[in-house]
Amino acid sequence: MSDFEMRSDVILTGGLCFSRTFWKSDVQIKFEEAYDGYGISFSDGGMLEAVRFGGEANETSGSCGLVLDSSLTKIANISPRTTLHRVSVEKEAIHKRLSDLIERPATQRILFNPVLDTNSYESHVIKSMMNMVHQEKDGTTPLFRYPAALTSMNEYVINVILEGVYHSYTDMMKNSGPMPSPGSVKRAIDYMVENASRPMRVVDIAEASGVGVRALQMGFMNFKSMTPMAYLRLVRLNGVRAELLNGALGKSVSHVAMSWGFPHMSSFSAQYTKKFGETPSMTLRRSIAHTS
């Protein structure tokens, strides 16, 4: 029998848990008290097999990850030299977000399609967020110092899971909601502009606009051809640019971006460059040169 060795980094933030765990030897874990939430797992160089109550089993591989209700998982079998990357979401956090989307209580547990293609957009986004959070632990990003950026990341991860992975509420989420109005969209935009640098969730915007989340989303798609959060990103990009053009008062580009709610620097830089035709660092250098 090989020696047991396990190394793990765990980071908790706002109803989410990001973990990165290396298992040197094979191991079987039996859960006597299950975590009340849901998890997405990817494996590097090995395999995770999750066995649910009733005997059904699914496993990770190089081409697929697992999306599971942790409360229904009975046994986890892990092969030697496996690195598991996982994000877990508390039931309360994801059910609250789901209830906002369907505009009624989510009383039943969410049944996800357990297999997630690692080449999918959803997998790419979730892996990117996992890497960013662990870079924070390693001291290479200052994410946790900026509440707006942290809220944006948490909101984004939960949205990607609910809207990108098929589950038992997907069809209900797609059903038409009440007809939106231009007035509700204008109220939402006014709220975004006034509060753009503060932590903001889509439910906050919906409450300020006087409609539900589904109606708000329909309104923005009908009248602005984008989602409310995409519009908020445009408002925040303009805020970042105005601050950079003003010299940023000695702040770095990453400091300015995160203070305006952008958690992922490479994604922010790409969005900024596409909108303004220059990188954020170019804007800041030009502003400093102009005032020197």
C-alpha atoms as a PDB file:
ATOM      1  CA  MET A   1       0.000   0.000   0.000  1.00  0.00           C
ATOM      2  CA  SER A   2       1.455   3.375  -0.963  1.00  0.00           C
ATOM      3  CA  ASP A   3       1.935   6.155   1.572  1.00  0.00           C
ATOM      4  CA  PHE A   4      -1.003   8.514   1.889  1.00  0.00           C
ATOM      5  CA  GLU A   5      -0.275  12.089   0.842  1.00  0.00           C
ATOM      6  CA  MET A   6      -2.715  14.915   0.184  1.00  0.00           C
ATOM      7  CA  ARG A   7      -2.144  18.648  -0.308  1.00  0.00           C
ATOM      8  CA  SER A   8      -5.009  21.092  -0.552  1.00  0.00           C
ATOM      9  CA  ASP A   9      -5.637  24.819  -0.964  1.00  0.00           C
ATOM     10  CA  VAL A  10      -9.142  25.932   0.044  1.00  0.00           C
ATOM     11  CA  ILE A  11     -10.561  29.437  -0.352  1.00  0.00           C
ATOM     12  CA  LEU A  12     -14.048  30.477   0.857  1.00  0.00           C
ATOM     13  CA  THR A  13     -15.812  33.524  -0.510  1.00  0.00           C
ATOM     14  CA  GLY A  14     -19.461  34.564  -0.454  1.00  0.00           C
ATOM     15  CA  GLY A  15     -21.160  31.167  -0.577  1.00  0.00           C
ATOM     16  CA  LEU A  16     -18.483  29.695  -2.861  1.00  0.00           C
ATOM     17  CA  CYS A  17     -15.616  27.371  -1.999  1.00  0.00           C
ATOM     18  CA  PHE A  18     -12.658  26.992  -4.383  1.00  0.00           C
ATOM     19  CA  SER A  19     -10.353  24.056  -3.741  1.00  0.00           C
ATOM     20  CA  ARG A  20      -7.272  22.602  -5.421  1.00  0.00           C
ATOM     21  CA  THR A  21      -6.245  19.203  -4.025  1.00  0.00           C
ATOM     22  CA  PHE A  22      -3.460  16.807  -4.966  1.00  0.00           C
ATOM     23  CA  TRP A  23      -3.795  13.112  -4.062  1.00  0.00           C
ATOM     24  CA  LYS A  24      -0.607  11.061  -4.324  1.00  0.00           C
ATOM     25  CA  SER A  25      -2.204   7.653  -3.758  1.00  0.00           C
ATOM     26  CA  ASP A  26      -5.610   6.233  -4.573  1.00  0.00           C
ATOM     27  CA  VAL A  27      -8.233   6.847  -1.928  1.00  0.00           C
ATOM     28  CA  GLN A  28     -11.920   6.196  -1.264  1.00  0.00           C
ATOM     29  CA  ILE A  29     -13.932   8.747   0.694  1.00  0.00           C
ATOM     30  CA  LYS A  30     -17.280   7.822   2.229  1.00  0.00           C
ATOM     31  CA  PHE A  31     -19.497  10.740   3.180  1.00  0.00           C
ATOM     32  CA  GLU A  32     -21.427  10.341   6.411  1.00  0.00           C
ATOM     33  CA  GLU A  33     -22.484  13.979   6.561  1.00  0.00           C
ATOM     34  CA  ALA A  34     -22.833  15.487   3.085  1.00  0.00           C
ATOM     35  CA  TYR A  35     -22.145  19.112   2.183  1.00  0.00           C
ATOM     36  CA  ASP A  36     -25.441  20.890   1.479  1.00  0.00           C
ATOM     37  CA  GLY A  37     -24.634  22.350  -1.888  1.00  0.00           C
ATOM     38  CA  TYR A  38     -23.471  21.648  -5.417  1.00  0.00           C
ATOM     39  CA  GLY A  39     -20.018  21.230  -6.914  1.00  0.00           C
ATOM     40  CA  ILE A  40     -18.175  21.249 -10.223  1.00  0.00           C
ATOM     41  CA  SER A  41     -14.962  19.197 -10.362  1.00  0.00           C
ATOM     42  CA  PHE A  42     -12.202  18.865 -12.955  1.00  0.00           C
ATOM     43  CA  SER A  43      -9.230  16.492 -12.689  1.00  0.00           C
ATOM     44  CA  ASP A  44      -5.649  16.773 -13.926  1.00  0.00           C
ATOM     45  CA  GLY A  45      -3.549  13.663 -14.424  1.00  0.00           C
ATOM     46  CA  GLY A  46      -6.000  11.328 -12.747  1.00  0.00           C
ATOM     47  CA  MET A  47      -9.664  10.626 -12.167  1.00  0.00           C
ATOM     48  CA  LEU A  48     -12.482  11.238  -9.708  1.00  0.00           C
ATOM     49  CA  GLU A  49     -15.402   8.790  -9.617  1.00  0.00           C
ATOM     50  CA  ALA A  50     -18.452   9.980  -7.692  1.00  0.00           C
ATOM     51  CA  VAL A  51     -20.991   7.359  -6.603  1.00  0.00           C
ATOM     52  CA  ARG A  52     -24.425   8.618  -5.645  1.00  0.00           C
ATOM     53  CA  PHE A  53     -26.980   7.053  -3.338  1.00  0.00           C
ATOM     54  CA  GLY A  54     -28.670   4.417  -5.473  1.00  0.00           C
ATOM     55  CA  GLY A  55     -25.390   3.294  -7.042  1.00  0.00           C
ATOM     56  CA  GLU A  56     -25.173   5.583 -10.105  1.00  0.00           C
ATOM     57  CA  ALA A  57     -21.570   6.619 -10.799  1.00  0.00           C
ATOM     58  CA  ASN A  58     -19.958   9.344 -12.915  1.00  0.00           C
ATOM     59  CA  GLU A  59     -16.295  10.149 -13.371  1.00  0.00           C
ATOM     60  CA  THR A  60     -14.055  12.980 -14.503  1.00  0.00           C
ATOM     61  CA  SER A  61     -11.583  12.605 -17.347  1.00  0.00           C
ATOM     62  CA  GLY A  62      -9.469  14.782 -19.597  1.00  0.00           C
ATOM     63  CA  SER A  63     -12.579  15.598 -21.650  1.00  0.00           C
ATOM     64  CA  CYS A  64     -15.241  16.025 -18.975  1.00  0.00           C
ATOM     65  CA  GLY A  65     -15.848  17.406 -15.518  1.00  0.00           C
ATOM     66  CA  LEU A  66     -18.586  16.580 -13.022  1.00  0.00           C
ATOM     67  CA  VAL A  67     -21.520  18.697 -11.867  1.00  0.00           C
ATOM     68  CA  LEU A  68     -23.108  17.073  -8.827  1.00  0.00           C
ATOM     69  CA  ASP A  69     -25.430  17.664  -5.912  1.00  0.00           C
ATOM     70  CA  SER A  70     -23.002  17.066  -3.061  1.00  0.00           C
ATOM     71  CA  SER A  71     -25.798  16.033  -0.697  1.00  0.00           C
ATOM     72  CA  LEU A  72     -26.513  13.010  -2.926  1.00  0.00           C
ATOM     73  CA  THR A  73     -22.893  11.857  -3.220  1.00  0.00           C
ATOM     74  CA  LYS A  74     -22.161   8.735  -1.194  1.00  0.00           C
ATOM     75  CA  ILE A  75     -18.606   7.779  -2.179  1.00  0.00           C
ATOM     76  CA  ALA A  76     -15.702   9.457  -3.996  1.00  0.00           C
ATOM     77  CA  ASN A  77     -13.028   7.227  -5.521  1.00  0.00           C
ATOM     78  CA  ILE A  78      -9.830   9.074  -6.473  1.00  0.00           C
ATOM     79  CA  SER A  79      -7.064   7.529  -8.566  1.00  0.00           C
ATOM     80  CA  PRO A  80      -3.326   7.981  -7.781  1.00  0.00           C
ATOM     81  CA  ARG A  81      -1.620  11.275  -8.636  1.00  0.00           C
ATOM     82  CA  THR A  82      -4.857  13.155  -9.211  1.00  0.00           C
ATOM     83  CA  THR A  83      -5.195  16.915  -8.886  1.00  0.00           C
ATOM     84  CA  LEU A  84      -8.791  17.959  -8.367  1.00  0.00           C
ATOM     85  CA  HIS A  85      -9.973  21.488  -9.110  1.00  0.00           C
ATOM     86  CA  ARG A  86     -13.381  22.156  -7.609  1.00  0.00           C
ATOM     87  CA  VAL A  87     -15.816  24.983  -6.960  1.00  0.00           C
ATOM     88  CA  SER A  88     -18.647  24.330  -4.522  1.00  0.00           C
ATOM     89  CA  VAL A  89     -21.730  26.513  -4.116  1.00  0.00           C
ATOM     90  CA  GLU A  90     -23.864  26.546  -0.988  1.00  0.00           C
ATOM     91  CA  LYS A  91     -27.465  25.508  -1.574  1.00  0.00           C
ATOM     92  CA  GLU A  92     -28.794  28.749  -0.095  1.00  0.00           C
ATOM     93  CA  ALA A  93     -26.709  30.919  -2.441  1.00  0.00           C
ATOM     94  CA  ILE A  94     -27.563  29.108  -5.681  1.00  0.00           C
ATOM     95  CA  HIS A  95     -31.237  28.515  -4.810  1.00  0.00           C
ATOM     96  CA  LYS A  96     -31.649  32.221  -3.982  1.00  0.00           C
ATOM     97  CA  ARG A  97     -30.209  33.153  -7.368  1.00  0.00           C
ATOM     98  CA  LEU A  98     -32.407  30.557  -9.099  1.00  0.00           C
ATOM     99  CA  SER A  99     -35.508  31.876  -7.324  1.00  0.00           C
ATOM    100  CA  ASP A 100     -34.685  35.357  -8.618  1.00  0.00           C
ATOM    101  CA  LEU A 101     -34.492  34.007 -12.165  1.00  0.00           C
ATOM    102  CA  ILE A 102     -37.726  32.012 -12.105  1.00  0.00           C
ATOM    103  CA  GLU A 103     -39.501  34.544  -9.849  1.00  0.00           C
ATOM    104  CA  ARG A 104     -40.835  31.864  -7.520  1.00  0.00           C
ATOM    105  CA  PRO A 105     -39.311  29.788  -4.698  1.00  0.00           C
ATOM    106  CA  ALA A 106     -36.998  27.006  -5.889  1.00  0.00           C
ATOM    107  CA  THR A 107     -38.390  24.368  -3.537  1.00  0.00           C
ATOM    108  CA  GLN A 108     -36.875  21.289  -5.186  1.00  0.00           C
ATOM    109  CA  ARG A 109     -33.175  20.538  -5.398  1.00  0.00           C
ATOM    110  CA  ILE A 110     -31.498  21.278  -8.736  1.00  0.00           C
ATOM    111  CA  LEU A 111     -30.813  18.183 -10.831  1.00  0.00           C
ATOM    112  CA  PHE A 112     -27.867  18.992 -13.106  1.00  0.00           C
ATOM    113  CA  ASN A 113     -26.694  17.093 -16.140  1.00  0.00           C
ATOM    114  CA  PRO A 114     -23.670  15.555 -14.357  1.00  0.00           C
ATOM    115  CA  VAL A 115     -21.219  15.572 -17.304  1.00  0.00           C
ATOM    116  CA  LEU A 116     -19.650  18.869 -18.366  1.00  0.00           C
ATOM    117  CA  ASP A 117     -17.477  19.084 -21.492  1.00  0.00           C
ATOM    118  CA  THR A 118     -14.100  20.546 -20.476  1.00  0.00           C
ATOM    119  CA  ASN A 119     -13.909  22.338 -23.855  1.00  0.00           C
ATOM    120  CA  SER A 120     -17.199  24.167 -23.333  1.00  0.00           C
ATOM    121  CA  TYR A 121     -17.456  27.898 -22.690  1.00  0.00           C
ATOM    122  CA  GLU A 122     -18.802  27.220 -19.196  1.00  0.00           C
ATOM    123  CA  SER A 123     -15.815  25.038 -18.321  1.00  0.00           C
ATOM    124  CA  HIS A 124     -13.407  27.659 -19.647  1.00  0.00           C
ATOM    125  CA  VAL A 125     -14.998  30.401 -17.532  1.00  0.00           C
ATOM    126  CA  ILE A 126     -15.134  28.322 -14.349  1.00  0.00           C
ATOM    127  CA  LYS A 127     -11.519  27.130 -14.730  1.00  0.00           C
ATOM    128  CA  SER A 128     -10.409  30.696 -15.355  1.00  0.00           C
ATOM    129  CA  MET A 129     -12.109  31.848 -12.151  1.00  0.00           C
ATOM    130  CA  MET A 130     -10.556  28.939 -10.233  1.00  0.00           C
ATOM    131  CA  ASN A 131      -7.083  29.928 -11.426  1.00  0.00           C
ATOM    132  CA  MET A 132      -7.685  33.581 -10.580  1.00  0.00           C
ATOM    133  CA  VAL A 133      -8.770  32.789  -7.018  1.00  0.00           C
ATOM    134  CA  HIS A 134      -5.716  30.616  -6.407  1.00  0.00           C
ATOM    135  CA  GLN A 135      -3.466  33.326  -7.853  1.00  0.00           C
ATOM    136  CA  GLU A 136      -4.975  35.543  -5.170  1.00  0.00           C
ATOM    137  CA  LYS A 137      -3.823  33.052  -2.545  1.00  0.00           C
ATOM    138  CA  ASP A 138      -0.362  33.035  -4.092  1.00  0.00           C
ATOM    139  CA  GLY A 139      -0.272  36.825  -3.781  1.00  0.00           C
ATOM    140  CA  THR A 140      -0.274  37.683  -7.482  1.00  0.00           C
ATOM    141  CA  THR A 141      -3.709  39.382  -7.546  1.00  0.00           C
ATOM    142  CA  PRO A 142      -5.407  41.689  -5.004  1.00  0.00           C
ATOM    143  CA  LEU A 143      -8.956  40.447  -5.648  1.00  0.00           C
ATOM    144  CA  PHE A 144     -10.173  40.177  -2.061  1.00  0.00           C
ATOM    145  CA  ARG A 145      -9.388  43.829  -1.345  1.00  0.00           C
ATOM    146  CA  TYR A 146     -12.066  45.000  -3.793  1.00  0.00           C
ATOM    147  CA  PRO A 147     -15.683  44.228  -2.809  1.00  0.00           C
ATOM    148  CA  ALA A 148     -17.123  45.200  -6.212  1.00  0.00           C
ATOM    149  CA  ALA A 149     -14.767  42.827  -8.054  1.00  0.00           C
ATOM    150  CA  LEU A 150     -15.414  40.005  -5.588  1.00  0.00           C
ATOM    151  CA  THR A 151     -19.191  40.407  -5.900  1.00  0.00           C
ATOM    152  CA  SER A 152     -18.884  40.403  -9.697  1.00  0.00           C
ATOM    153  CA  MET A 153     -16.887  37.177  -9.627  1.00  0.00           C
ATOM    154  CA  ASN A 154     -19.309  35.374  -7.293  1.00  0.00           C
ATOM    155  CA  GLU A 155     -22.305  36.526  -9.335  1.00  0.00           C
ATOM    156  CA  TYR A 156     -20.616  35.491 -12.562  1.00  0.00           C
ATOM    157  CA  VAL A 157     -19.750  31.981 -11.384  1.00  0.00           C
ATOM    158  CA  ILE A 158     -23.277  31.253 -10.127  1.00  0.00           C
ATOM    159  CA  ASN A 159     -24.799  32.688 -13.316  1.00  0.00           C
ATOM    160  CA  VAL A 160     -22.559  30.538 -15.509  1.00  0.00           C
ATOM    161  CA  ILE A 161     -23.569  27.407 -13.597  1.00  0.00           C
ATOM    162  CA  LEU A 162     -27.297  28.131 -13.698  1.00  0.00           C
ATOM    163  CA  GLU A 163     -27.485  29.487 -17.238  1.00  0.00           C
ATOM    164  CA  GLY A 164     -24.798  27.378 -18.916  1.00  0.00           C
ATOM    165  CA  VAL A 165     -25.286  23.889 -17.448  1.00  0.00           C
ATOM    166  CA  TYR A 166     -28.539  22.086 -18.249  1.00  0.00           C
ATOM    167  CA  HIS A 167     -30.630  21.237 -15.187  1.00  0.00           C
ATOM    168  CA  SER A 168     -34.163  20.553 -13.988  1.00  0.00           C
ATOM    169  CA  TYR A 169     -35.097  24.271 -13.930  1.00  0.00           C
ATOM    170  CA  THR A 170     -33.596  25.238 -17.302  1.00  0.00           C
ATOM    171  CA  ASP A 171     -36.870  25.125 -19.223  1.00  0.00           C
ATOM    172  CA  MET A 172     -38.648  27.110 -16.511  1.00  0.00           C
ATOM    173  CA  MET A 173     -35.929  29.781 -16.694  1.00  0.00           C
ATOM    174  CA  LYS A 174     -36.581  30.151 -20.436  1.00  0.00           C
ATOM    175  CA  ASN A 175     -40.333  30.702 -20.085  1.00  0.00           C
ATOM    176  CA  SER A 176     -41.542  34.195 -20.911  1.00  0.00           C
ATOM    177  CA  GLY A 177     -41.971  36.531 -18.009  1.00  0.00           C
ATOM    178  CA  PRO A 178     -44.016  39.760 -17.733  1.00  0.00           C
ATOM    179  CA  MET A 179     -43.545  42.270 -20.530  1.00  0.00           C
ATOM    180  CA  PRO A 180     -40.829  44.816 -19.685  1.00  0.00           C
ATOM    181  CA  SER A 181     -41.030  48.550 -20.361  1.00  0.00           C
ATOM    182  CA  PRO A 182     -38.502  51.197 -21.443  1.00  0.00           C
ATOM    183  CA  GLY A 183     -39.122  52.912 -18.093  1.00  0.00           C
ATOM    184  CA  SER A 184     -37.875  49.940 -16.094  1.00  0.00           C
ATOM    185  CA  VAL A 185     -34.750  49.762 -18.251  1.00  0.00           C
ATOM    186  CA  LYS A 186     -34.102  53.491 -17.745  1.00  0.00           C
ATOM    187  CA  ARG A 187     -34.469  53.137 -13.976  1.00  0.00           C
ATOM    188  CA  ALA A 188     -32.019  50.246 -14.060  1.00  0.00           C
ATOM    189  CA  ILE A 189     -29.501  52.270 -16.089  1.00  0.00           C
ATOM    190  CA  ASP A 190     -29.809  55.249 -13.744  1.00  0.00           C
ATOM    191  CA  TYR A 191     -29.125  52.934 -10.795  1.00  0.00           C
ATOM    192  CA  MET A 192     -26.093  51.406 -12.533  1.00  0.00           C
ATOM    193  CA  VAL A 193     -24.582  54.797 -13.365  1.00  0.00           C
ATOM    194  CA  GLU A 194     -25.052  56.105  -9.819  1.00  0.00           C
ATOM    195  CA  ASN A 195     -23.642  52.988  -8.153  1.00  0.00           C
ATOM    196  CA  ALA A 196     -21.287  51.482 -10.748  1.00  0.00           C
ATOM    197  CA  SER A 197     -18.223  51.278  -8.504  1.00  0.00           C
ATOM    198  CA  ARG A 198     -20.123  49.568  -5.668  1.00  0.00           C
ATOM    199  CA  PRO A 199     -20.752  45.820  -5.269  1.00  0.00           C
ATOM    200  CA  MET A 200     -23.787  45.050  -7.436  1.00  0.00           C
ATOM    201  CA  ARG A 201     -25.847  41.965  -8.246  1.00  0.00           C
ATOM    202  CA  VAL A 202     -28.469  41.603 -10.934  1.00  0.00           C
ATOM    203  CA  VAL A 203     -31.149  41.284  -8.228  1.00  0.00           C
ATOM    204  CA  ASP A 204     -30.094  44.687  -6.857  1.00  0.00           C
ATOM    205  CA  ILE A 205     -30.581  46.225 -10.300  1.00  0.00           C
ATOM    206  CA  ALA A 206     -33.963  44.524 -10.708  1.00  0.00           C
ATOM    207  CA  GLU A 207     -35.175  45.835  -7.359  1.00  0.00           C
ATOM    208  CA  ALA A 208     -34.090  49.375  -8.272  1.00  0.00           C
ATOM    209  CA  SER A 209     -35.896  49.128 -11.617  1.00  0.00           C
ATOM    210  CA  GLY A 210     -39.137  47.933 -10.023  1.00  0.00           C
ATOM    211  CA  VAL A 211     -39.385  44.650 -11.962  1.00  0.00           C
ATOM    212  CA  GLY A 212     -38.257  41.061 -11.495  1.00  0.00           C
ATOM    213  CA  VAL A 213     -34.990  39.630 -12.772  1.00  0.00           C
ATOM    214  CA  ARG A 214     -36.552  37.905 -15.799  1.00  0.00           C
ATOM    215  CA  ALA A 215     -38.432  41.035 -16.855  1.00  0.00           C
ATOM    216  CA  LEU A 216     -35.253  43.083 -16.425  1.00  0.00           C
ATOM    217  CA  GLN A 217     -33.291  40.680 -18.609  1.00  0.00           C
ATOM    218  CA  MET A 218     -36.001  40.697 -21.264  1.00  0.00           C
ATOM    219  CA  GLY A 219     -36.112  44.494 -21.188  1.00  0.00           C
ATOM    220  CA  PHE A 220     -32.396  44.852 -21.766  1.00  0.00           C
ATOM    221  CA  MET A 221     -32.415  42.276 -24.544  1.00  0.00           C
ATOM    222  CA  ASN A 222     -35.391  43.991 -26.214  1.00  0.00           C
ATOM    223  CA  PHE A 223     -34.227  47.592 -25.840  1.00  0.00           C
ATOM    224  CA  LYS A 224     -30.419  47.340 -25.525  1.00  0.00           C
ATOM    225  CA  SER A 225     -29.641  43.980 -27.208  1.00  0.00           C
ATOM    226  CA  MET A 226     -27.567  42.862 -24.218  1.00  0.00           C
ATOM    227  CA  THR A 227     -27.987  41.560 -20.681  1.00  0.00           C
ATOM    228  CA  PRO A 228     -28.133  43.935 -17.677  1.00  0.00           C
ATOM    229  CA  MET A 229     -24.709  42.755 -16.470  1.00  0.00           C
ATOM    230  CA  ALA A 230     -23.206  43.315 -19.924  1.00  0.00           C
ATOM    231  CA  TYR A 231     -24.552  46.871 -19.840  1.00  0.00           C
ATOM    232  CA  LEU A 232     -23.117  47.326 -16.350  1.00  0.00           C
ATOM    233  CA  ARG A 233     -19.707  46.277 -17.693  1.00  0.00           C
ATOM    234  CA  LEU A 234     -19.939  49.035 -20.322  1.00  0.00           C
ATOM    235  CA  VAL A 235     -20.793  51.599 -17.631  1.00  0.00           C
ATOM    236  CA  ARG A 236     -17.876  50.407 -15.544  1.00  0.00           C
ATOM    237  CA  LEU A 237     -15.493  50.456 -18.520  1.00  0.00           C
ATOM    238  CA  ASN A 238     -16.369  54.110 -19.038  1.00  0.00           C
ATOM    239  CA  GLY A 239     -15.706  54.724 -15.348  1.00  0.00           C
ATOM    240  CA  VAL A 240     -12.304  53.059 -15.567  1.00  0.00           C
ATOM    241  CA  ARG A 241     -11.396  55.066 -18.664  1.00  0.00           C
ATOM    242  CA  ALA A 242     -12.388  58.366 -17.050  1.00  0.00           C
ATOM    243  CA  GLU A 243     -10.198  57.568 -14.044  1.00  0.00           C
ATOM    244  CA  LEU A 244      -7.241  56.516 -16.218  1.00  0.00           C
ATOM    245  CA  LEU A 245      -7.581  59.650 -18.353  1.00  0.00           C
ATOM    246  CA  ASN A 246      -7.401  61.636 -15.129  1.00  0.00           C
ATOM    247  CA  GLY A 247      -4.069  60.024 -14.279  1.00  0.00           C
ATOM    248  CA  ALA A 248      -5.545  57.484 -11.828  1.00  0.00           C
ATOM    249  CA  LEU A 249      -4.051  59.492  -8.932  1.00  0.00           C
ATOM    250  CA  GLY A 250      -1.004  57.245  -8.748  1.00  0.00           C
ATOM    251  CA  LYS A 251      -2.992  53.986  -8.830  1.00  0.00           C
ATOM    252  CA  SER A 252      -2.109  50.999 -11.016  1.00  0.00           C
ATOM    253  CA  VAL A 253      -4.365  49.804 -13.820  1.00  0.00           C
ATOM    254  CA  SER A 254      -5.267  46.652 -11.873  1.00  0.00           C
ATOM    255  CA  HIS A 255      -6.180  48.724  -8.805  1.00  0.00           C
ATOM    256  CA  VAL A 256      -8.495  50.950 -10.867  1.00  0.00           C
ATOM    257  CA  ALA A 257     -10.062  48.007 -12.713  1.00  0.00           C
ATOM    258  CA  MET A 258     -10.784  45.996  -9.576  1.00  0.00           C
ATOM    259  CA  SER A 259     -12.177  49.010  -7.748  1.00  0.00           C
ATOM    260  CA  TRP A 260     -14.697  49.283 -10.612  1.00  0.00           C
ATOM    261  CA  GLY A 261     -15.713  45.636 -10.284  1.00  0.00           C
ATOM    262  CA  PHE A 262     -13.483  43.817 -12.809  1.00  0.00           C
ATOM    263  CA  PRO A 263     -12.017  40.709 -11.138  1.00  0.00           C
ATOM    264  CA  HIS A 264     -10.203  39.179 -14.133  1.00  0.00           C
ATOM    265  CA  MET A 265      -7.435  41.362 -15.554  1.00  0.00           C
ATOM    266  CA  SER A 266      -6.915  39.652 -18.907  1.00  0.00           C
ATOM    267  CA  SER A 267     -10.658  39.676 -19.610  1.00  0.00           C
ATOM    268  CA  PHE A 268     -10.903  43.313 -18.514  1.00  0.00           C
ATOM    269  CA  SER A 269      -7.982  44.339 -20.722  1.00  0.00           C
ATOM    270  CA  ALA A 270      -9.513  42.597 -23.747  1.00  0.00           C
ATOM    271  CA  GLN A 271     -12.898  44.282 -23.185  1.00  0.00           C
ATOM    272  CA  TYR A 272     -11.269  47.687 -22.668  1.00  0.00           C
ATOM    273  CA  THR A 273      -9.095  47.393 -25.771  1.00  0.00           C
ATOM    274  CA  LYS A 274     -12.048  46.317 -27.915  1.00  0.00           C
ATOM    275  CA  LYS A 275     -14.165  49.263 -26.770  1.00  0.00           C
ATOM    276  CA  PHE A 276     -11.557  52.051 -26.787  1.00  0.00           C
ATOM    277  CA  GLY A 277      -8.988  50.888 -29.349  1.00  0.00           C
ATOM    278  CA  GLU A 278      -6.061  50.955 -26.920  1.00  0.00           C
ATOM    279  CA  THR A 279      -4.972  49.031 -23.862  1.00  0.00           C
ATOM    280  CA  PRO A 280      -5.699  50.500 -20.420  1.00  0.00           C
ATOM    281  CA  SER A 281      -1.969  50.891 -19.764  1.00  0.00           C
ATOM    282  CA  MET A 282      -1.657  52.933 -22.964  1.00  0.00           C
ATOM    283  CA  THR A 283      -4.445  55.228 -21.766  1.00  0.00           C
ATOM    284  CA  LEU A 284      -2.750  55.726 -18.412  1.00  0.00           C
ATOM    285  CA  ARG A 285       0.702  56.365 -19.932  1.00  0.00           C
ATOM    286  CA  ARG A 286      -0.748  58.914 -22.352  1.00  0.00           C
ATOM    287  CA  SER A 287      -2.581  60.662 -19.536  1.00  0.00           C
ATOM    288  CA  ILE A 288       0.539  60.830 -17.342  1.00  0.00           C
ATOM    289  CA  ALA A 289       2.650  62.089 -20.262  1.00  0.00           C
ATOM    290  CA  HIS A 290       0.069  64.780 -21.029  1.00  0.00           C
ATOM    291  CA  THR A 291       0.065  66.109 -17.465  1.00  0.00           C
ATOM    292  CA  SER A 292       3.863  65.960 -17.021  1.00  0.00           C
END
